[in-house]
Amino acid sequence: MIAITFFGAVRTVTGSMHLVETADARLLLDCGLFQGRRADARRVNSEFPFPPSSIDAVLLSHAHLDHCGNLPTLVRQGFRGKILCTPATRDLAALIIRDSAEIQRQDANFANKARARQGQPPLQPLYTIDDAEQAIRRLRPVPYHQTFQVGPVTGAFYDAGHILGSAITVLTVEGRTVVFSGDLGRTAAPIIRDPEFPPAADLLIMEATYGDRRHEPFERGERKLADVVRGTVRRGGTILIPAFAVGRTQDITYTLHRLQDGGKIPPVATFVDSPMATDATAIFRKHPEVFDAEMRARLRRGDPFGGRDIRYVRSVEESKELNARHDPFIVVATSGMCESGRILHHLRHHVGDPQSSLVFVAFQAADTLGRRLVDGVTPVRIFDESYEV
């Protein structure tokens, strides 16, 4: 008997969580954070439709927040099994989960200021940094293609080509093969290998985020980026690139490095303004085993995420100093949808400058500042002030 119940990422794109049950095992495929309105998100993320203590193991497809971000809550509420994932996912998930715990603390503090004024009792964070560390201690790395066993279930991970360490999970249960795709990457993407073809499946569970989308070739996107950089540098402006700390930032810095090496854009100072993206890039450097052939070749010639014109910014003081510059430069900063992070400070200084450019490199969800900017809304509000675009 195999029973599969879908508890998250159904008709939406966050909170991935699926339960696989056999006669002798209960496995969770991912345990992601649901992201939406604060009250809805808190309710969904704090309540599990099963006892967490009844789960034997979690099989984690990759380290994005909507797939790993609720693991601390699961552990806090009684889960005591192993969390199996690839080595690169283990390292990235630890970074993501710790950062999420800090965000939970900040969100609770912010909400409690309003609650105190209204005479309401304070909210506790969804989970704490201690809960995050408890979850991280349960992460167990399993390399691609190496088999693992959870009770009567045999499994293995195959490369999903989505982000560093992302995995397609293949399970053999009672003589039948179940394949869970996780999030799938595209062929010919930079840095990491293309998605692998898993063994034939009796049952396939597959994501469909871009099921009806025709993506333009990467080369066309690179040409567009090069055109924007050249034009903005000629005008003496600044190029702002909002990007997620894990995956997209590394794609962009690597692409800029290649464009400069190939003489397709002029030498221009590039700043990665995100401590988390800086830490994530260090993890990328630790895992060349998942790079594609082109990336490994570039690695032998030097740091593909570095170079004389690419600098990583950690301190708030360094970040503020960037907005005092008058020469052309590029800023890659979080968050990818312009809802938080240092990109907001750069937008405040440059969004009204006709000489500067704003380049979006990822999907912008509805009701985000990024979506309003993509849709041409003006003015926009940043830190409760109005700015013409």
Protein backbone atom coordinates (compact mmCIF):
# COMPACT_ATOMS: atom_id res chain seq x y z
CA MET A 1 0.00 0.00 0.00
CA ILE A 2 1.25 3.47 -0.95
CA ALA A 3 -0.70 6.58 -0.05
CA ILE A 4 0.39 10.09 -1.06
CA THR A 5 -1.23 13.21 0.36
CA PHE A 6 -0.45 16.71 -0.92
CA PHE A 7 -0.44 19.32 1.85
CA GLY A 8 1.34 22.24 0.21
CA ALA A 9 2.27 23.84 -3.12
CA VAL A 10 -1.13 22.84 -4.51
CA ARG A 11 -2.59 25.52 -6.79
CA THR A 12 0.07 27.81 -5.33
CA VAL A 13 3.86 28.00 -5.37
CA THR A 14 4.90 27.97 -1.70
CA GLY A 15 4.74 25.62 1.26
CA SER A 16 5.80 22.46 -0.57
CA MET A 17 5.00 19.41 1.59
CA HIS A 18 3.83 15.94 0.54
CA LEU A 19 3.31 12.88 2.73
CA VAL A 20 4.21 9.39 1.46
CA GLU A 21 2.83 6.54 3.56
CA THR A 22 3.49 2.82 3.32
CA ALA A 23 2.51 0.05 5.71
CA ASP A 24 5.75 0.60 7.67
CA ALA A 25 7.00 4.13 6.92
CA ARG A 26 5.86 7.75 6.77
CA LEU A 27 8.07 10.07 4.71
CA LEU A 28 7.72 13.78 4.11
CA LEU A 29 8.80 15.18 0.75
CA ASP A 30 9.94 18.71 1.64
CA CYS A 31 8.68 20.91 4.46
CA GLY A 32 8.50 24.40 3.02
CA LEU A 33 7.33 27.71 4.39
CA PHE A 34 3.99 28.97 3.10
CA GLN A 35 4.31 32.63 2.12
CA GLY A 36 1.31 34.93 1.92
CA ARG A 37 -0.70 37.29 4.11
CA ARG A 38 0.80 37.35 7.60
CA ALA A 39 -2.23 35.89 9.42
CA ASP A 40 -2.82 33.16 6.82
CA ALA A 41 0.87 32.25 6.68
CA ARG A 42 1.17 31.97 10.45
CA ARG A 43 -1.87 29.69 10.67
CA VAL A 44 -0.73 27.41 7.83
CA ASN A 45 2.89 27.22 8.98
CA SER A 46 2.17 26.59 12.66
CA GLU A 47 -0.31 23.71 12.19
CA PHE A 48 0.56 20.32 10.68
CA PRO A 49 -2.22 18.00 9.46
CA PHE A 50 -0.39 15.04 11.05
CA PRO A 51 1.64 14.50 14.24
CA PRO A 52 5.23 15.56 13.40
CA SER A 53 6.49 12.81 15.72
CA SER A 54 4.91 10.22 13.38
CA ILE A 55 7.23 11.12 10.46
CA ASP A 56 10.19 8.76 10.01
CA ALA A 57 12.26 10.99 7.70
CA VAL A 58 12.13 14.11 5.55
CA LEU A 59 13.50 13.95 2.00
CA LEU A 60 14.52 17.49 1.08
CA SER A 61 14.65 18.33 -2.63
CA HIS A 62 16.52 21.65 -2.34
CA ALA A 63 17.26 24.62 -0.13
CA HIS A 64 14.75 27.24 -1.24
CA LEU A 65 12.65 28.60 1.63
CA ASP A 66 9.36 27.32 0.19
CA HIS A 67 10.79 23.79 0.37
CA CYS A 68 12.89 23.78 3.58
CA GLY A 69 11.75 26.82 5.56
CA ASN A 70 9.31 25.10 7.94
CA LEU A 71 11.65 22.32 9.08
CA PRO A 72 12.34 24.11 12.41
CA THR A 73 8.60 24.13 13.20
CA LEU A 74 8.40 20.42 12.39
CA VAL A 75 11.28 19.70 14.78
CA ARG A 76 9.88 22.06 17.42
CA GLN A 77 6.61 20.10 17.37
CA GLY A 78 8.16 16.67 17.81
CA PHE A 79 9.87 15.38 14.63
CA ARG A 80 12.94 13.33 15.62
CA GLY A 81 13.96 11.65 12.36
CA LYS A 82 16.64 12.41 9.78
CA ILE A 83 16.41 15.04 7.05
CA LEU A 84 18.07 13.53 3.97
CA CYS A 85 19.41 15.78 1.21
CA THR A 86 22.47 16.29 -0.99
CA PRO A 87 25.67 17.74 0.55
CA ALA A 88 25.24 21.10 -1.20
CA THR A 89 21.62 21.32 -0.08
CA ARG A 90 22.68 20.63 3.51
CA ASP A 91 25.03 23.63 3.47
CA LEU A 92 22.59 25.97 1.72
CA ALA A 93 19.62 24.87 3.85
CA ALA A 94 21.55 25.66 7.03
CA LEU A 95 22.15 29.19 5.73
CA ILE A 96 18.53 29.66 4.63
CA ILE A 97 17.00 28.30 7.84
CA ARG A 98 19.19 30.44 10.10
CA ASP A 99 18.30 33.54 8.09
CA SER A 100 14.62 32.64 8.24
CA ALA A 101 14.77 32.32 12.04
CA GLU A 102 16.15 35.85 12.26
CA ILE A 103 13.37 37.11 9.97
CA GLN A 104 10.78 35.36 12.18
CA ARG A 105 12.22 37.19 15.19
CA GLN A 106 12.16 40.55 13.41
CA ASP A 107 8.61 40.01 12.12
CA ALA A 108 7.36 39.13 15.60
CA ASN A 109 9.03 42.21 17.10
CA PHE A 110 7.48 44.43 14.41
CA ALA A 111 4.00 42.95 14.91
CA ASN A 112 4.30 43.21 18.69
CA LYS A 113 4.83 46.98 18.58
CA ALA A 114 1.37 47.39 17.06
CA ARG A 115 -0.12 44.75 19.38
CA ALA A 116 1.29 46.54 22.43
CA ARG A 117 -0.36 49.80 21.34
CA GLN A 118 -3.66 47.92 20.98
CA GLY A 119 -3.31 46.21 24.36
CA GLN A 120 -2.97 42.76 22.79
CA PRO A 121 -0.64 40.02 24.10
CA PRO A 122 2.67 39.58 22.23
CA LEU A 123 3.14 37.03 19.46
CA GLN A 124 5.93 34.49 19.64
CA PRO A 125 8.07 33.94 16.53
CA LEU A 126 7.03 30.98 14.39
CA TYR A 127 10.38 29.50 15.42
CA THR A 128 13.62 30.62 17.05
CA ILE A 129 17.28 30.34 16.13
CA ASP A 130 17.52 27.44 18.60
CA ASP A 131 14.73 25.64 16.73
CA ALA A 132 16.63 26.30 13.50
CA GLU A 133 19.83 24.82 14.94
CA GLN A 134 17.91 21.74 16.12
CA ALA A 135 16.65 21.23 12.56
CA ILE A 136 20.09 21.79 11.04
CA ARG A 137 21.55 19.09 13.29
CA ARG A 138 19.15 16.60 11.67
CA LEU A 139 20.37 17.26 8.11
CA ARG A 140 22.12 14.19 6.68
CA PRO A 141 24.01 14.51 3.36
CA VAL A 142 23.57 11.83 0.69
CA PRO A 143 25.49 12.29 -2.61
CA TYR A 144 23.70 11.95 -5.95
CA HIS A 145 23.01 8.31 -6.98
CA GLN A 146 23.96 6.87 -3.58
CA THR A 147 21.12 4.75 -2.22
CA PHE A 148 19.59 5.33 1.21
CA GLN A 149 17.10 3.32 3.24
CA VAL A 150 14.18 4.46 5.39
CA GLY A 151 12.46 1.36 6.74
CA PRO A 152 11.21 -0.61 3.71
CA VAL A 153 11.75 2.32 1.33
CA THR A 154 14.91 2.58 -0.81
CA GLY A 155 15.77 5.95 -2.31
CA ALA A 156 18.32 7.94 -4.29
CA PHE A 157 18.78 11.53 -5.43
CA TYR A 158 19.29 12.62 -9.05
CA ASP A 159 20.35 16.08 -10.21
CA ALA A 160 17.33 18.36 -10.80
CA GLY A 161 19.40 21.21 -12.29
CA HIS A 162 17.34 23.83 -10.42
CA ILE A 163 19.81 25.29 -7.91
CA LEU A 164 23.03 24.05 -6.36
CA GLY A 165 22.35 20.60 -4.89
CA SER A 166 18.73 20.36 -6.03
CA ALA A 167 17.46 16.81 -6.37
CA ILE A 168 14.90 14.60 -8.03
CA THR A 169 13.93 11.99 -5.42
CA VAL A 170 13.49 8.39 -6.62
CA LEU A 171 11.87 5.95 -4.21
CA THR A 172 11.36 2.20 -4.55
CA VAL A 173 8.37 1.15 -2.49
CA GLU A 174 6.93 -2.37 -2.52
CA GLY A 175 8.39 -3.06 -5.96
CA ARG A 176 7.12 0.19 -7.47
CA THR A 177 9.07 3.33 -8.35
CA VAL A 178 7.88 6.76 -7.21
CA VAL A 179 9.63 9.84 -8.64
CA PHE A 180 9.29 13.30 -7.07
CA SER A 181 10.75 15.95 -9.37
CA GLY A 182 11.10 18.76 -6.85
CA ASP A 183 11.67 22.01 -8.73
CA LEU A 184 13.27 21.39 -12.13
CA GLY A 185 15.88 23.52 -13.84
CA ARG A 186 16.28 24.34 -17.51
CA THR A 187 18.75 22.86 -19.93
CA ALA A 188 21.83 24.95 -20.75
CA ALA A 189 21.49 27.00 -17.55
CA PRO A 190 24.72 28.53 -16.23
CA ILE A 191 26.88 27.01 -13.47
CA ILE A 192 25.12 23.73 -12.71
CA ARG A 193 24.42 20.62 -14.76
CA ASP A 194 21.24 20.04 -16.74
CA PRO A 195 18.47 18.01 -15.07
CA GLU A 196 19.05 14.27 -15.19
CA PHE A 197 16.56 11.75 -16.50
CA PRO A 198 15.52 9.53 -13.57
CA PRO A 199 14.58 5.86 -13.96
CA ALA A 200 11.15 4.98 -15.34
CA ALA A 201 8.43 5.67 -12.81
CA ASP A 202 5.21 3.92 -11.85
CA LEU A 203 4.13 7.18 -10.23
CA LEU A 204 5.47 10.65 -11.09
CA ILE A 205 4.95 13.71 -8.87
CA MET A 206 6.10 16.73 -10.87
CA GLU A 207 6.11 20.48 -10.34
CA ALA A 208 4.40 22.62 -12.98
CA THR A 209 5.32 26.20 -12.08
CA TYR A 210 6.30 26.97 -15.68
CA GLY A 211 4.27 24.21 -17.29
CA ASP A 212 2.84 26.47 -20.00
CA ARG A 213 5.76 28.87 -20.35
CA ARG A 214 8.16 29.11 -23.28
CA HIS A 215 11.42 30.49 -21.93
CA GLU A 216 13.65 32.48 -24.23
CA PRO A 217 17.16 31.05 -24.74
CA PHE A 218 19.73 32.08 -22.13
CA GLU A 219 21.88 33.61 -24.86
CA ARG A 220 19.12 36.09 -25.74
CA GLY A 221 18.81 37.15 -22.10
CA GLU A 222 22.57 37.63 -21.90
CA ARG A 223 22.52 39.82 -25.00
CA LYS A 224 19.76 41.97 -23.47
CA LEU A 225 21.74 42.33 -20.24
CA ALA A 226 24.89 43.29 -22.16
CA ASP A 227 22.93 45.92 -24.14
CA VAL A 228 21.56 47.46 -20.93
CA VAL A 229 24.98 47.54 -19.26
CA ARG A 230 26.69 49.15 -22.26
CA GLY A 231 23.95 51.77 -22.69
CA THR A 232 23.81 52.67 -19.00
CA VAL A 233 27.59 52.95 -18.69
CA ARG A 234 27.65 55.29 -21.71
CA ARG A 235 25.06 57.49 -19.97
CA GLY A 236 27.02 57.45 -16.72
CA GLY A 237 24.19 55.74 -14.83
CA THR A 238 23.84 52.93 -12.31
CA ILE A 239 22.49 49.43 -13.03
CA LEU A 240 20.37 47.95 -10.23
CA ILE A 241 19.68 44.20 -10.29
CA PRO A 242 17.35 42.84 -7.58
CA ALA A 243 18.22 39.16 -7.09
CA PHE A 244 17.56 36.30 -4.70
CA ALA A 245 20.58 35.54 -2.52
CA VAL A 246 20.75 31.87 -3.50
CA GLY A 247 20.94 30.90 -7.15
CA ARG A 248 20.03 34.05 -9.03
CA THR A 249 22.82 36.20 -7.55
CA GLN A 250 25.42 33.60 -8.49
CA ASP A 251 23.95 33.27 -12.01
CA ILE A 252 24.18 37.04 -12.52
CA THR A 253 27.70 37.51 -11.14
CA TYR A 254 28.93 34.58 -13.23
CA THR A 255 27.21 35.98 -16.34
CA LEU A 256 28.69 39.45 -15.79
CA HIS A 257 32.11 37.84 -15.32
CA ARG A 258 31.74 35.99 -18.64
CA LEU A 259 30.48 39.08 -20.49
CA GLN A 260 33.45 41.11 -19.28
CA ASP A 261 35.89 38.31 -20.12
CA GLY A 262 34.42 38.12 -23.62
CA GLY A 263 34.64 41.88 -24.15
CA LYS A 264 30.85 42.17 -24.49
CA ILE A 265 30.56 44.76 -21.72
CA PRO A 266 33.14 47.32 -20.58
CA PRO A 267 34.97 46.97 -17.27
CA VAL A 268 32.56 48.30 -14.65
CA ALA A 269 32.60 48.02 -10.87
CA THR A 270 30.07 45.43 -9.70
CA PHE A 271 28.94 45.15 -6.08
CA VAL A 272 27.09 42.17 -4.60
CA ASP A 273 25.39 43.99 -1.72
CA SER A 274 24.07 41.18 0.47
CA PRO A 275 25.78 39.37 3.35
CA MET A 276 23.59 36.33 2.74
CA ALA A 277 24.42 36.22 -0.97
CA THR A 278 28.09 36.51 -0.03
CA ASP A 279 27.77 33.49 2.27
CA ALA A 280 25.79 31.57 -0.36
CA THR A 281 28.49 32.25 -2.96
CA ALA A 282 31.10 30.82 -0.59
CA ILE A 283 28.99 27.64 -0.41
CA PHE A 284 28.86 27.50 -4.22
CA ARG A 285 32.68 27.59 -4.26
CA LYS A 286 32.73 24.59 -1.87
CA HIS A 287 30.74 22.36 -4.23
CA PRO A 288 32.40 22.21 -7.67
CA GLU A 289 31.25 18.58 -7.92
CA VAL A 290 27.84 19.81 -9.11
CA PHE A 291 29.14 22.33 -11.68
CA ASP A 292 28.76 21.77 -15.41
CA ALA A 293 31.78 21.30 -17.71
CA GLU A 294 32.03 24.97 -18.72
CA MET A 295 31.95 26.11 -15.11
CA ARG A 296 34.63 23.61 -14.07
CA ALA A 297 36.84 24.82 -16.92
CA ARG A 298 36.43 28.44 -15.80
CA LEU A 299 37.13 27.41 -12.21
CA ARG A 300 40.53 26.14 -13.28
CA ARG A 301 41.32 29.64 -14.61
CA GLY A 302 40.25 31.48 -11.47
CA ASP A 303 37.21 32.43 -9.40
CA PRO A 304 34.18 32.58 -11.73
CA PHE A 305 32.23 34.54 -9.08
CA GLY A 306 35.01 37.07 -8.59
CA GLY A 307 37.43 39.07 -10.66
CA ARG A 308 38.94 42.51 -10.34
CA ASP A 309 35.62 44.30 -10.93
CA ILE A 310 33.32 42.20 -8.69
CA ARG A 311 33.25 43.00 -4.97
CA TYR A 312 31.16 41.63 -2.13
CA VAL A 313 29.67 44.05 0.40
CA ARG A 314 28.92 43.00 3.97
CA SER A 315 28.75 46.05 6.21
CA VAL A 316 25.95 48.61 6.28
CA GLU A 317 28.56 51.37 6.04
CA GLU A 318 29.99 49.98 2.80
CA SER A 319 26.48 49.63 1.40
CA LYS A 320 25.64 53.26 2.18
CA GLU A 321 28.88 54.45 0.59
CA LEU A 322 27.81 53.01 -2.76
CA ASN A 323 25.12 55.65 -3.12
CA ALA A 324 27.75 58.40 -2.83
CA ARG A 325 29.51 57.18 -5.99
CA HIS A 326 29.25 59.21 -9.19
CA ASP A 327 30.84 56.77 -11.66
CA PRO A 328 28.85 54.01 -13.44
CA PHE A 329 28.53 50.80 -11.43
CA ILE A 330 26.34 47.71 -11.02
CA VAL A 331 24.60 46.67 -7.80
CA VAL A 332 23.24 43.15 -7.32
CA ALA A 333 21.21 43.16 -4.09
CA THR A 334 18.42 41.35 -2.28
CA SER A 335 15.55 40.91 -2.15
CA GLY A 336 14.64 39.58 -5.56
CA MET A 337 11.10 41.02 -5.48
CA CYS A 338 12.14 44.35 -3.87
CA GLU A 339 10.10 43.68 -0.75
CA SER A 340 12.97 43.98 1.72
CA GLY A 341 16.75 44.12 1.93
CA ARG A 342 19.35 46.56 0.70
CA ILE A 343 17.90 46.87 -2.80
CA LEU A 344 15.29 49.22 -1.30
CA HIS A 345 17.95 51.75 -0.28
CA HIS A 346 19.46 51.68 -3.77
CA LEU A 347 16.04 52.04 -5.39
CA ARG A 348 15.32 55.06 -3.24
CA HIS A 349 18.45 56.76 -4.56
CA HIS A 350 18.24 55.73 -8.23
CA VAL A 351 14.67 54.80 -9.22
CA GLY A 352 13.97 58.36 -10.41
CA ASP A 353 17.24 58.74 -12.33
CA PRO A 354 16.63 58.58 -16.12
CA GLN A 355 20.31 57.71 -16.68
CA SER A 356 20.10 54.55 -14.55
CA SER A 357 18.58 51.14 -15.30
CA LEU A 358 16.65 48.57 -13.28
CA VAL A 359 17.05 44.97 -14.48
CA PHE A 360 14.71 42.22 -13.27
CA VAL A 361 16.07 38.68 -13.56
CA ALA A 362 13.38 36.68 -11.75
CA PHE A 363 9.63 36.27 -11.46
CA GLN A 364 7.85 39.13 -9.65
CA ALA A 365 4.81 38.00 -7.68
CA ALA A 366 1.58 39.97 -7.50
CA ASP A 367 1.36 42.75 -4.89
CA THR A 368 5.14 43.14 -4.59
CA LEU A 369 7.12 46.31 -5.27
CA GLY A 370 8.96 44.42 -7.99
CA ARG A 371 5.69 43.62 -9.78
CA ARG A 372 4.55 47.26 -9.55
CA LEU A 373 7.84 48.41 -11.07
CA VAL A 374 7.63 45.81 -13.87
CA ASP A 375 4.06 46.96 -14.58
CA GLY A 376 5.22 50.58 -14.92
CA VAL A 377 3.44 51.91 -11.84
CA THR A 378 4.55 55.41 -10.81
CA PRO A 379 4.92 56.76 -8.23
CA VAL A 380 5.85 53.85 -5.95
CA ARG A 381 6.24 53.81 -2.18
CA ILE A 382 9.59 52.90 -0.64
CA PHE A 383 9.97 53.14 3.15
CA ASP A 384 6.58 54.89 3.28
CA GLU A 385 7.73 57.66 0.94
CA SER A 386 6.58 58.27 -2.63
CA TYR A 387 9.07 58.11 -5.53
CA GLU A 388 8.53 58.84 -9.20
CA VAL A 389 9.95 56.15 -11.49
